[in-house]
Protein backbone atom coordinates (compact mmCIF):
# COMPACT_ATOMS: atom_id res chain seq x y z
CA UNK A 1 -21.15 -18.11 -21.69
CA UNK A 2 -17.72 -17.61 -20.45
CA UNK A 3 -14.99 -16.53 -22.76
CA UNK A 4 -11.63 -18.22 -22.87
CA UNK A 5 -8.23 -17.17 -23.80
CA UNK A 6 -4.90 -18.92 -23.97
CA UNK A 7 -1.80 -17.74 -22.74
CA UNK A 8 1.24 -19.78 -23.68
CA UNK A 9 4.70 -18.84 -22.83
CA UNK A 10 7.72 -20.01 -24.49
CA UNK A 11 10.87 -18.27 -23.33
CA UNK A 12 13.67 -16.91 -25.24
CA UNK A 13 17.24 -16.57 -23.74
CA UNK A 14 16.36 -12.97 -22.78
CA UNK A 15 16.77 -12.66 -19.07
CA UNK A 16 17.69 -15.58 -16.85
CA UNK A 17 14.32 -15.41 -15.15
CA UNK A 18 12.62 -15.47 -18.50
CA UNK A 19 14.40 -18.68 -19.58
CA UNK A 20 13.39 -20.42 -16.21
CA UNK A 21 9.77 -20.09 -17.08
CA UNK A 22 9.73 -21.29 -20.59
CA UNK A 23 8.10 -24.67 -20.78
CA UNK A 24 5.04 -24.01 -22.81
CA UNK A 25 5.61 -25.63 -26.29
CA UNK A 26 8.08 -28.00 -24.87
CA UNK A 27 8.97 -31.21 -26.90
CA UNK A 28 6.43 -34.01 -26.79
CA UNK A 29 2.83 -33.64 -25.57
CA UNK A 30 1.10 -31.43 -23.02
CA UNK A 31 -2.24 -32.53 -21.78
CA UNK A 32 -5.06 -30.21 -20.28
CA UNK A 33 -8.18 -31.10 -18.69
CA UNK A 34 -11.38 -29.15 -18.22
CA UNK A 35 -14.07 -29.19 -15.51
CA UNK A 36 -15.90 -32.04 -17.27
CA UNK A 37 -12.73 -34.28 -17.05
CA UNK A 38 -12.29 -34.08 -20.76
CA UNK A 39 -8.68 -33.92 -22.14
CA UNK A 40 -7.22 -31.58 -24.88
CA UNK A 41 -3.62 -31.59 -25.94
CA UNK A 42 -0.83 -29.61 -27.62
CA UNK A 43 1.76 -31.90 -29.28
CA UNK A 44 4.88 -30.34 -30.64
CA UNK A 45 5.11 -31.82 -34.17
CA UNK A 46 7.62 -29.43 -35.74
CA UNK A 47 9.27 -26.02 -35.60
CA UNK A 48 10.29 -23.36 -38.19
CA UNK A 49 12.62 -20.36 -37.79
CA UNK A 50 11.96 -17.30 -39.96
CA UNK A 51 14.42 -14.67 -41.33
CA UNK A 52 13.75 -12.33 -38.38
CA UNK A 53 14.46 -15.07 -35.88
CA UNK A 54 10.79 -15.72 -35.11
CA UNK A 55 10.14 -19.41 -34.12
CA UNK A 56 6.89 -21.13 -35.01
CA UNK A 57 5.77 -24.18 -33.13
CA UNK A 58 3.22 -26.43 -34.97
CA UNK A 59 0.80 -28.92 -33.29
CA UNK A 60 -1.32 -31.53 -34.90
CA UNK A 61 -4.47 -30.47 -37.03
CA UNK A 62 -7.67 -30.87 -35.15
CA UNK A 63 -11.31 -30.77 -36.24
CA UNK A 64 -13.24 -28.19 -34.62
CA UNK A 65 -16.63 -26.55 -34.97
CA UNK A 66 -15.89 -23.21 -36.60
CA UNK A 67 -18.97 -21.40 -35.26
CA UNK A 68 -20.90 -22.51 -32.26
CA UNK A 69 -24.15 -24.29 -33.32
CA UNK A 70 -23.35 -24.14 -37.08
CA UNK A 71 -22.30 -27.78 -37.26
CA UNK A 72 -19.61 -26.91 -39.76
CA UNK A 73 -16.18 -28.24 -38.71
CA UNK A 74 -12.79 -27.30 -40.17
CA UNK A 75 -9.23 -28.64 -39.73
CA UNK A 76 -7.23 -25.36 -39.67
CA UNK A 77 -7.05 -24.29 -35.98
CA UNK A 78 -5.49 -27.15 -33.96
CA UNK A 79 -6.44 -28.21 -30.44
CA UNK A 80 -6.29 -26.34 -27.15
CA UNK A 81 -3.37 -23.90 -27.94
CA UNK A 82 -4.17 -23.75 -31.66
CA UNK A 83 -2.44 -25.19 -34.58
CA UNK A 84 0.71 -22.90 -34.23
CA UNK A 85 2.44 -20.73 -31.56
CA UNK A 86 4.83 -18.07 -32.64
CA UNK A 87 7.73 -17.00 -30.42
CA UNK A 88 8.74 -13.63 -31.68
CA UNK A 89 12.29 -12.27 -31.56
CA UNK A 90 11.32 -9.80 -28.85
CA UNK A 91 10.22 -12.49 -26.48
CA UNK A 92 6.42 -12.59 -26.94
CA UNK A 93 4.38 -15.72 -27.67
CA UNK A 94 1.59 -15.18 -30.25
CA UNK A 95 -1.33 -17.68 -30.30
CA UNK A 96 -4.29 -17.47 -32.64
CA UNK A 97 -7.95 -17.80 -32.19
CA UNK A 98 -10.47 -19.15 -34.79
CA UNK A 99 -10.54 -15.66 -36.42
CA UNK A 100 -6.78 -15.84 -36.68
CA UNK A 101 -6.56 -12.80 -34.13
CA UNK A 102 -3.43 -12.73 -32.10
CA UNK A 103 -3.44 -13.61 -28.29
CA UNK A 104 -0.20 -12.36 -26.86
CA UNK A 105 1.96 -13.58 -23.94
CA UNK A 106 5.06 -11.81 -22.83
CA UNK A 107 7.18 -14.47 -21.13
CA UNK A 108 9.95 -11.95 -20.27
CA UNK A 109 7.50 -9.63 -18.34
CA UNK A 110 8.53 -9.09 -14.72
CA UNK A 111 6.24 -8.80 -11.65
CA UNK A 112 3.87 -5.85 -12.21
CA UNK A 113 4.59 -5.36 -15.92
CA UNK A 114 1.60 -5.26 -18.32
CA UNK A 115 1.02 -5.96 -21.99
CA UNK A 116 -1.77 -5.99 -24.56
CA UNK A 117 -3.16 -9.48 -24.34
CA UNK A 118 -5.88 -9.46 -27.09
CA UNK A 119 -8.34 -7.19 -28.82
CA UNK A 120 -12.07 -6.90 -28.34
CA UNK A 121 -14.73 -5.96 -30.81
CA UNK A 122 -15.42 -2.24 -31.11
CA UNK A 123 -11.77 -1.18 -30.60
CA UNK A 124 -11.52 -2.50 -27.00
CA UNK A 125 -8.80 -4.64 -25.83
CA UNK A 126 -7.55 -6.82 -22.79
CA UNK A 127 -4.47 -6.00 -20.73
CA UNK A 128 -2.57 -8.68 -19.02
CA UNK A 129 -0.13 -8.31 -15.91
CA UNK A 130 2.26 -10.57 -14.00
CA UNK A 131 1.78 -11.15 -10.28
CA UNK A 132 4.20 -12.31 -7.63
CA UNK A 133 5.61 -15.86 -7.69
CA UNK A 134 4.36 -18.16 -5.03
CA UNK A 135 5.10 -21.83 -4.10
CA UNK A 136 2.44 -24.33 -5.22
CA UNK A 137 2.26 -27.98 -6.14
CA UNK A 138 2.14 -28.71 -9.94
CA UNK A 139 1.07 -32.22 -10.79
CA UNK A 140 2.37 -33.30 -7.31
CA UNK A 141 5.71 -31.41 -7.58
CA UNK A 142 6.52 -28.16 -5.76
CA UNK A 143 7.23 -25.34 -8.01
CA UNK A 144 7.12 -21.53 -8.25
CA UNK A 145 3.89 -20.24 -9.90
CA UNK A 146 3.07 -16.79 -11.15
CA UNK A 147 -0.52 -15.52 -11.64
CA UNK A 148 -1.52 -13.56 -14.94
CA UNK A 149 -4.49 -11.39 -14.35
CA UNK A 150 -6.52 -9.46 -16.91
CA UNK A 151 -8.50 -6.14 -17.31
CA UNK A 152 -10.69 -5.47 -20.23
CA UNK A 153 -10.85 -1.90 -21.58
CA UNK A 154 -12.98 -0.05 -24.16
CA UNK A 155 -11.64 2.03 -27.06
CA UNK A 156 -10.94 4.93 -24.69
CA UNK A 157 -8.92 2.84 -22.34
CA UNK A 158 -11.53 2.83 -19.54
CA UNK A 159 -12.02 -0.30 -17.59
CA UNK A 160 -15.06 -2.39 -18.63
CA UNK A 161 -16.55 -5.70 -17.36
CA UNK A 162 -15.55 -8.85 -19.10
CA UNK A 163 -15.35 -12.57 -17.96
CA UNK A 164 -11.49 -12.43 -18.27
CA UNK A 165 -11.41 -9.89 -15.46
CA UNK A 166 -12.25 -12.66 -13.06
CA UNK A 167 -10.38 -15.49 -14.60
CA UNK A 168 -6.58 -15.30 -13.88
CA UNK A 169 -4.34 -18.04 -15.14
CA UNK A 170 -1.16 -19.50 -13.75
CA UNK A 171 2.30 -19.98 -15.19
CA UNK A 172 4.77 -22.59 -13.44
CA UNK A 173 8.50 -22.01 -13.54
CA UNK A 174 9.27 -25.56 -14.74
CA UNK A 175 6.06 -26.92 -16.34
CA UNK A 176 4.56 -24.05 -18.34
CA UNK A 177 0.86 -23.03 -18.01
CA UNK A 178 -0.76 -24.60 -15.03
CA UNK A 179 -4.28 -23.01 -15.98
CA UNK A 180 -5.24 -21.52 -19.20
CA UNK A 181 -7.97 -21.16 -21.80
CA UNK A 182 -8.89 -22.79 -24.98
CA UNK A 183 -7.23 -20.17 -27.28
CA UNK A 184 -9.59 -21.04 -30.14
CA UNK A 185 -12.61 -19.59 -28.45
CA UNK A 186 -11.05 -16.35 -27.07
CA UNK A 187 -12.11 -13.74 -26.34
CA UNK A 188 -15.80 -14.69 -26.94
CA UNK A 189 -16.08 -17.91 -24.80
CA UNK A 190 -14.03 -18.80 -21.82
CA UNK A 191 -13.28 -22.48 -21.45
CA UNK A 192 -10.66 -22.97 -18.61
CA UNK A 193 -8.28 -25.86 -18.70
CA UNK A 194 -5.79 -27.13 -16.11
CA UNK A 195 -2.34 -28.78 -16.80
CA UNK A 196 -2.91 -32.60 -16.59
CA UNK A 197 0.49 -34.01 -17.94
CA UNK A 198 3.73 -33.48 -19.99
CA UNK A 199 5.63 -36.14 -21.83
CA UNK A 200 8.89 -34.23 -21.55
CA UNK A 201 9.80 -34.69 -18.82
CA UNK A 202 7.11 -37.28 -18.04
CA UNK A 203 4.77 -35.98 -15.38
CA UNK A 204 1.00 -36.51 -14.75
CA UNK A 205 -1.17 -37.99 -17.57
CA UNK A 206 0.63 -39.66 -20.43
CA UNK A 207 -0.52 -40.79 -23.86
CA UNK A 208 -1.06 -44.49 -24.44
CA UNK A 209 -1.47 -46.86 -27.39
CA UNK A 210 -2.19 -50.57 -28.05
CA UNK A 211 0.60 -51.93 -25.77
CA UNK A 212 -0.73 -50.10 -22.75
CA UNK A 213 -4.30 -50.99 -23.52
CA UNK A 214 -3.78 -54.67 -24.12
CA UNK A 215 -1.52 -55.02 -20.95
CA UNK A 216 -3.08 -57.80 -18.98
CA UNK A 217 -1.70 -59.91 -16.10
CA UNK A 218 -2.19 -63.57 -15.20
CA UNK A 219 -5.40 -63.83 -13.13
CA UNK A 220 -7.20 -60.68 -14.65
CA UNK A 221 -10.86 -61.34 -15.10
CA UNK A 222 -13.14 -59.40 -17.52
CA UNK A 223 -17.08 -59.75 -17.61
CA UNK A 224 -18.95 -58.66 -20.81
CA UNK A 225 -22.39 -58.34 -21.88
CA UNK A 226 -23.10 -58.75 -25.59
CA UNK A 227 -26.10 -58.25 -27.88
CA UNK A 228 -26.10 -59.23 -31.48
CA UNK A 229 -28.69 -58.91 -34.22
CA UNK A 230 -27.62 -60.34 -37.52
CA UNK A 231 -29.39 -62.16 -40.38
CA UNK A 232 -32.46 -62.92 -38.28
CA UNK A 233 -30.39 -64.42 -35.43
CA UNK A 234 -30.79 -62.40 -32.35
CA UNK A 235 -29.11 -63.28 -29.05
CA UNK A 236 -27.98 -61.87 -25.72
CA UNK A 237 -24.78 -63.07 -24.23
CA UNK A 238 -22.85 -62.96 -20.98
CA UNK A 239 -19.18 -63.88 -20.97
CA UNK A 240 -16.27 -64.19 -18.47
CA UNK A 241 -12.65 -64.22 -19.67
CA UNK A 242 -9.84 -64.97 -17.31
CA UNK A 243 -6.22 -64.68 -18.13
CA UNK A 244 -4.36 -68.02 -17.53
CA UNK A 245 -0.99 -67.30 -19.18
CA UNK A 246 0.72 -64.48 -21.07
CA UNK A 247 3.59 -64.79 -23.65
CA UNK A 248 5.41 -61.79 -24.91
CA UNK A 249 7.35 -61.91 -28.13
CA UNK A 250 10.63 -60.39 -29.45
CA UNK A 251 10.68 -56.61 -29.59
CA UNK A 252 7.09 -56.52 -28.10
CA UNK A 253 5.76 -57.10 -31.58
CA UNK A 254 2.78 -58.98 -30.24
CA UNK A 255 1.50 -60.84 -27.13
CA UNK A 256 -0.48 -64.00 -26.78
CA UNK A 257 -2.94 -64.36 -23.96
CA UNK A 258 -4.24 -67.91 -22.89
CA UNK A 259 -7.86 -67.21 -21.81
CA UNK A 260 -10.36 -69.36 -20.01
CA UNK A 261 -13.70 -68.39 -21.61
CA UNK A 262 -17.18 -68.95 -20.26
CA UNK A 263 -20.17 -67.96 -22.17
CA UNK A 264 -23.95 -68.13 -21.86
CA UNK A 265 -25.90 -67.16 -25.08
CA UNK A 266 -29.66 -66.93 -25.06
CA UNK A 267 -31.20 -66.71 -28.52
CA UNK A 268 -34.28 -64.59 -28.96
CA UNK A 269 -34.83 -66.00 -32.57
CA UNK A 270 -34.62 -68.83 -33.18
CA UNK A 271 -35.26 -69.55 -29.39
CA UNK A 272 -32.59 -71.52 -27.66
CA UNK A 273 -29.39 -71.11 -25.67
CA UNK A 274 -25.75 -72.08 -25.87
CA UNK A 275 -23.38 -72.57 -22.81
CA UNK A 276 -19.61 -73.04 -23.27
CA UNK A 277 -16.50 -73.34 -21.13
CA UNK A 278 -13.32 -73.48 -23.09
CA UNK A 279 -9.71 -72.01 -23.52
CA UNK A 280 -8.69 -69.80 -26.34
CA UNK A 281 -5.53 -67.91 -27.38
CA UNK A 282 -6.02 -64.30 -28.12
CA UNK A 283 -3.15 -62.49 -29.97
CA UNK A 284 -2.64 -58.81 -30.01
CA UNK A 285 -0.24 -57.23 -32.64
CA UNK A 286 1.51 -53.97 -31.82
CA UNK A 287 1.97 -52.43 -35.20
CA UNK A 288 4.27 -49.38 -35.66
CA UNK A 289 1.37 -47.44 -37.41
CA UNK A 290 -1.27 -48.45 -34.74
CA UNK A 291 -4.13 -49.41 -37.05
CA UNK A 292 -6.62 -49.10 -34.29
CA UNK A 293 -5.48 -45.39 -33.92
CA UNK A 294 -5.58 -45.70 -30.24
CA UNK A 295 -2.44 -43.46 -30.01
CA UNK A 296 -4.37 -40.53 -31.47
CA UNK A 297 -4.74 -37.18 -29.91
CA UNK A 298 -8.14 -35.64 -28.77
CA UNK A 299 -9.86 -34.13 -31.86
CA UNK A 300 -6.99 -35.09 -34.05
CA UNK A 301 -7.72 -34.90 -37.74
CA UNK A 302 -7.08 -38.17 -39.59
CA UNK A 303 -8.68 -38.56 -42.98
CA UNK A 304 -10.30 -41.83 -44.03
CA UNK A 305 -10.79 -42.85 -47.62
CA UNK A 306 -13.28 -45.57 -47.33
CA UNK A 307 -17.04 -45.07 -47.71
CA UNK A 308 -19.24 -42.82 -49.97
CA UNK A 309 -17.39 -39.57 -49.34
CA UNK A 310 -14.20 -38.18 -47.71
CA UNK A 311 -14.50 -38.71 -43.96
CA UNK A 312 -12.52 -38.32 -40.63
CA UNK A 313 -12.61 -40.16 -37.30
CA UNK A 314 -13.62 -38.55 -34.05
CA UNK A 315 -11.12 -38.96 -31.20
CA UNK A 316 -11.78 -37.94 -27.71
CA UNK A 317 -10.55 -38.81 -24.16
CA UNK A 318 -12.09 -38.31 -20.72
CA UNK A 319 -11.80 -39.50 -17.09
CA UNK A 320 -14.77 -41.28 -15.61
CA UNK A 321 -15.67 -44.90 -15.32
CA UNK A 322 -13.32 -47.84 -14.49
CA UNK A 323 -12.18 -46.42 -11.12
CA UNK A 324 -11.48 -42.99 -12.48
CA UNK A 325 -9.35 -44.08 -15.42
CA UNK A 326 -8.97 -42.25 -18.73
CA UNK A 327 -11.03 -43.60 -21.62
CA UNK A 328 -10.23 -43.11 -25.30
CA UNK A 329 -13.30 -42.82 -27.61
CA UNK A 330 -12.91 -43.54 -31.34
CA UNK A 331 -15.64 -43.04 -33.95
CA UNK A 332 -14.32 -43.89 -37.40
CA UNK A 333 -16.23 -42.10 -40.22
CA UNK A 334 -17.86 -39.71 -37.66
CA UNK A 335 -17.15 -36.56 -39.73
CA UNK A 336 -18.31 -36.42 -43.32
CA UNK A 337 -16.98 -33.70 -45.69
CA UNK A 338 -19.23 -31.58 -47.77
CA UNK A 339 -17.54 -30.12 -50.79
CA UNK A 340 -20.33 -27.47 -51.35
CA UNK A 341 -19.86 -25.82 -47.91
CA UNK A 342 -16.16 -26.86 -47.45
CA UNK A 343 -17.21 -28.26 -44.12
CA UNK A 344 -16.98 -31.51 -42.12
CA UNK A 345 -20.28 -32.34 -40.52
CA UNK A 346 -20.67 -34.67 -37.56
CA UNK A 347 -22.75 -37.64 -38.87
CA UNK A 348 -22.11 -41.30 -39.60
CA UNK A 349 -20.54 -42.84 -42.62
CA UNK A 350 -23.60 -43.94 -44.71
CA UNK A 351 -24.51 -47.46 -44.19
CA UNK A 352 -21.86 -48.45 -41.54
CA UNK A 353 -21.27 -47.29 -37.99
CA UNK A 354 -18.58 -48.29 -35.38
CA UNK A 355 -17.64 -47.07 -31.95
CA UNK A 356 -14.86 -48.17 -29.71
CA UNK A 357 -13.58 -47.29 -26.34
CA UNK A 358 -10.16 -48.26 -24.93
CA UNK A 359 -8.60 -48.15 -21.44
CA UNK A 360 -5.02 -49.17 -20.44
CA UNK A 361 -4.98 -52.60 -18.79
CA UNK A 362 -8.55 -53.23 -19.64
CA UNK A 363 -8.46 -53.64 -23.51
CA UNK A 364 -11.42 -52.47 -25.66
CA UNK A 365 -14.07 -51.77 -23.05
CA UNK A 366 -16.88 -51.01 -25.49
CA UNK A 367 -17.63 -51.80 -29.18
CA UNK A 368 -20.60 -51.08 -31.29
CA UNK A 369 -21.19 -51.83 -34.85
CA UNK A 370 -24.21 -51.25 -37.17
CA UNK A 371 -24.61 -52.09 -40.79
CA UNK A 372 -27.86 -50.67 -42.49
CA UNK A 373 -27.74 -53.60 -44.93
CA UNK A 374 -29.86 -56.20 -43.14
CA UNK A 375 -30.17 -54.02 -40.15
CA UNK A 376 -27.35 -55.92 -38.47
CA UNK A 377 -25.98 -54.69 -35.19
CA UNK A 378 -23.47 -55.89 -32.48
CA UNK A 379 -22.68 -54.41 -29.13
CA UNK A 380 -20.13 -55.55 -26.55
CA UNK A 381 -19.66 -53.90 -23.22
CA UNK A 382 -17.18 -54.51 -20.37
CA UNK A 383 -19.35 -54.43 -17.14
CA UNK A 384 -16.92 -55.82 -14.51
CA UNK A 385 -13.27 -56.46 -14.03
CA UNK A 386 -10.96 -57.84 -11.36
CA UNK A 387 -7.16 -57.07 -11.43
CA UNK A 388 -5.40 -58.25 -8.30
CA UNK A 389 -7.25 -56.78 -5.40
CA UNK A 390 -9.01 -54.10 -7.59
CA UNK A 391 -12.62 -54.66 -8.80
CA UNK A 392 -15.05 -52.44 -10.66
CA UNK A 393 -18.61 -52.95 -11.80
CA UNK A 394 -21.20 -55.65 -11.49
CA UNK A 395 -20.40 -59.40 -12.33
CA UNK A 396 -22.49 -61.06 -14.85
CA UNK A 397 -22.32 -64.17 -12.60
CA UNK A 398 -20.82 -65.25 -9.42
CA UNK A 399 -18.51 -67.73 -11.31
CA UNK A 400 -18.05 -69.45 -14.46
CA UNK A 401 -19.98 -72.68 -13.54
CA UNK A 402 -22.95 -70.66 -12.44
CA UNK A 403 -22.88 -68.67 -15.59
CA UNK A 404 -23.05 -71.77 -18.00
CA UNK A 405 -25.43 -73.79 -15.67
CA UNK A 406 -28.60 -74.95 -17.41
CA UNK A 407 -31.82 -73.09 -16.31
CA UNK A 408 -34.18 -74.53 -14.00
CA UNK A 409 -37.72 -74.60 -15.47
CA UNK A 410 -40.51 -76.88 -13.95
CA UNK A 411 -42.71 -76.72 -17.04
CA UNK A 412 -40.43 -76.49 -20.12
CA UNK A 413 -36.74 -76.59 -21.11
CA UNK A 414 -35.15 -74.07 -23.37
CA UNK A 415 -33.44 -75.85 -26.26
CA UNK A 416 -29.70 -75.67 -26.03
CA UNK A 417 -26.42 -77.52 -26.25
CA UNK A 418 -23.54 -77.77 -23.80
CA UNK A 419 -20.08 -79.17 -24.74
CA UNK A 420 -17.33 -80.26 -22.41
CA UNK A 421 -14.55 -80.04 -22.83
CA UNK A 422 -14.11 -77.62 -25.68
CA UNK A 423 -11.58 -77.64 -27.35
CA UNK A 424 -11.74 -81.47 -27.47
CA UNK A 425 -8.87 -83.88 -28.07
CA UNK A 426 -10.39 -87.34 -27.90
CA UNK A 427 -13.99 -87.25 -26.53
CA UNK A 428 -16.45 -84.54 -25.65
CA UNK A 429 -19.74 -84.81 -23.65
CA UNK A 430 -22.63 -83.29 -25.56
CA UNK A 431 -25.64 -82.40 -23.29
CA UNK A 432 -28.88 -81.28 -24.92
CA UNK A 433 -31.96 -79.71 -23.37
CA UNK A 434 -35.19 -79.33 -25.09
CA UNK A 435 -35.32 -82.98 -26.43
CA UNK A 436 -38.35 -84.96 -25.59
CA UNK A 437 -37.82 -88.32 -23.74
CA UNK A 438 -37.12 -90.89 -26.25
CA UNK A 439 -36.99 -88.54 -29.20
CA UNK A 440 -34.94 -89.90 -32.05
CA UNK A 441 -32.19 -87.15 -32.63
CA UNK A 442 -28.97 -87.00 -34.66
CA UNK A 443 -25.63 -85.19 -34.09
CA UNK A 444 -24.23 -83.59 -37.09
CA UNK A 445 -20.82 -81.77 -37.54
CA UNK A 446 -20.27 -79.38 -40.43
CA UNK A 447 -16.96 -77.71 -41.41
CA UNK A 448 -16.88 -73.98 -42.11
CA UNK A 449 -17.62 -74.47 -45.80
CA UNK A 450 -20.91 -76.21 -44.72
CA UNK A 451 -19.67 -79.68 -45.66
CA UNK A 452 -20.93 -82.52 -43.46
CA UNK A 453 -18.05 -84.49 -41.83
CA UNK A 454 -19.98 -86.53 -39.14
CA UNK A 455 -23.48 -87.76 -38.44
CA UNK A 456 -24.63 -90.31 -35.87
CA UNK A 457 -27.67 -91.08 -33.95
CA UNK A 458 -27.70 -89.58 -30.39
CA UNK A 459 -28.36 -92.69 -28.35
CA UNK A 460 -27.90 -91.06 -24.93
CA UNK A 461 -28.08 -87.73 -23.38
CA UNK A 462 -25.46 -86.64 -22.58
CA UNK A 463 -23.86 -88.09 -25.64
CA UNK A 464 -20.20 -89.20 -25.67
CA UNK A 465 -18.74 -87.85 -28.92
CA UNK A 466 -15.48 -89.38 -30.31
CA UNK A 467 -13.60 -87.26 -32.58
CA UNK A 468 -11.09 -89.94 -33.73
CA UNK A 469 -10.59 -89.73 -37.49
CA UNK A 470 -12.06 -86.20 -37.72
CA UNK A 471 -9.33 -83.66 -38.87
CA UNK A 472 -8.32 -80.91 -36.40
CA UNK A 473 -10.21 -77.69 -36.86
CA UNK A 474 -13.27 -75.55 -36.03
CA UNK A 475 -16.63 -77.02 -36.79
CA UNK A 476 -20.45 -76.34 -36.32
CA UNK A 477 -22.30 -78.96 -34.35
CA UNK A 478 -26.08 -79.39 -34.77
CA UNK A 479 -28.38 -81.66 -32.82
CA UNK A 480 -31.27 -82.44 -35.06
CA UNK A 481 -34.51 -83.74 -33.43
CA UNK A 482 -38.08 -84.38 -34.55
CA UNK A 483 -39.33 -81.13 -32.99
CA UNK A 484 -36.41 -78.87 -33.27
CA UNK A 485 -33.06 -78.43 -34.97
CA UNK A 486 -31.01 -77.29 -31.98
CA UNK A 487 -28.13 -75.29 -33.47
CA UNK A 488 -26.54 -72.33 -31.67
CA UNK A 489 -24.89 -72.27 -34.15
CA UNK A 490 -22.56 -74.00 -31.74
CA UNK A 491 -18.77 -74.16 -32.31
CA UNK A 492 -16.58 -77.06 -31.38
CA UNK A 493 -12.87 -76.98 -31.69
CA UNK A 494 -10.98 -80.33 -32.39
CA UNK A 495 -7.23 -80.34 -31.43
């Protein structure tokens, strides 16, 4: 495997040229991306100045496996540049690998100058040297870029082979490192990263949170496939949600979306189906502390107190689906702490599992939940979207009416209920399939406490239901026949 090293340069006011090339540990967040389109980051959280004028730059704590294949993770080393970077009073940047050995960058070095980059096992070491500056594009902007090349040597100072010899990195005049290594693994494993974005000044990839994720426009359409297995009720569902209106509130505290919702739910047990077309208002709150933790950095350590033992979430981010968008992956309770080995191990919080994925402008694109009690599970997956002229994926149906249409079957009909309109203000048409001709059936409405509020004989199919005298609210509707009790359970909203 290749071995990686990180060179990060922050520049002191030494020479003018040195100052011009110092944008390594700049304020805000710097994103890097590897060949698998996976992001890592260095976020400048705080600084400290020592008595000898050394400056230490601290990033966020990150969970990392402390020895390849061991499964043991700790929280002491930070992300791609490490947990801390020290700018010494003589103008060198010191980074630290997982063994706390120093990886040194001399930002004040001139073309042709060399320095000791890092040590190797057995007394060897790696020398670094600065090449000439050339003009290159950095995140779409022209800039001057220097290359830093390496030569490994043994204890006697003779050149030896090493993966670093063939892996130069680049330093930009205005944007810091353009290419570099994951310093945590140096010098044993080389993992090369490229600059993907900086927040100060903003260029390239930027971090995002709830407001960017739940940023929909009127006309946006989302198609989902859903599977649920809970308390002996198992069903597959297809749903289409279309944004009809958007209302933003003061200080962007929350946003309301009026959605047209079309669903077709097919029950495996008990057998039956449910088709609905209705409108619903979905509210998204934008809390300052971001309870969904979408704003989190890749591999960021955030402890969780719930469950049977101390745990931490897993955060990652990569580019791939949804027309090459970046997706954030969140797995609460993914790392469980073991007090005996003093390690975090990647496993699920006992008895409960959740996974979520988020994309700007698309919302939560995937959600999975599993509870060992009762072997209950739920999975929801975005499989298609349309935003303006942009589309992605495969629609669950050509349109809403086709999705909710009753199935054609020459021999048998699947039991099911269709309500139109829903929500209902005065009257709703209840159409039922699966009833035998002339079968004596009753319509029953229950509130969410299970109390019966309406019962009447179904003297026609479809049946015209009047809600006059029934209080506003959400109810469960059942159609009880001689051969079946046809309950979705089907929801009906009375306005």
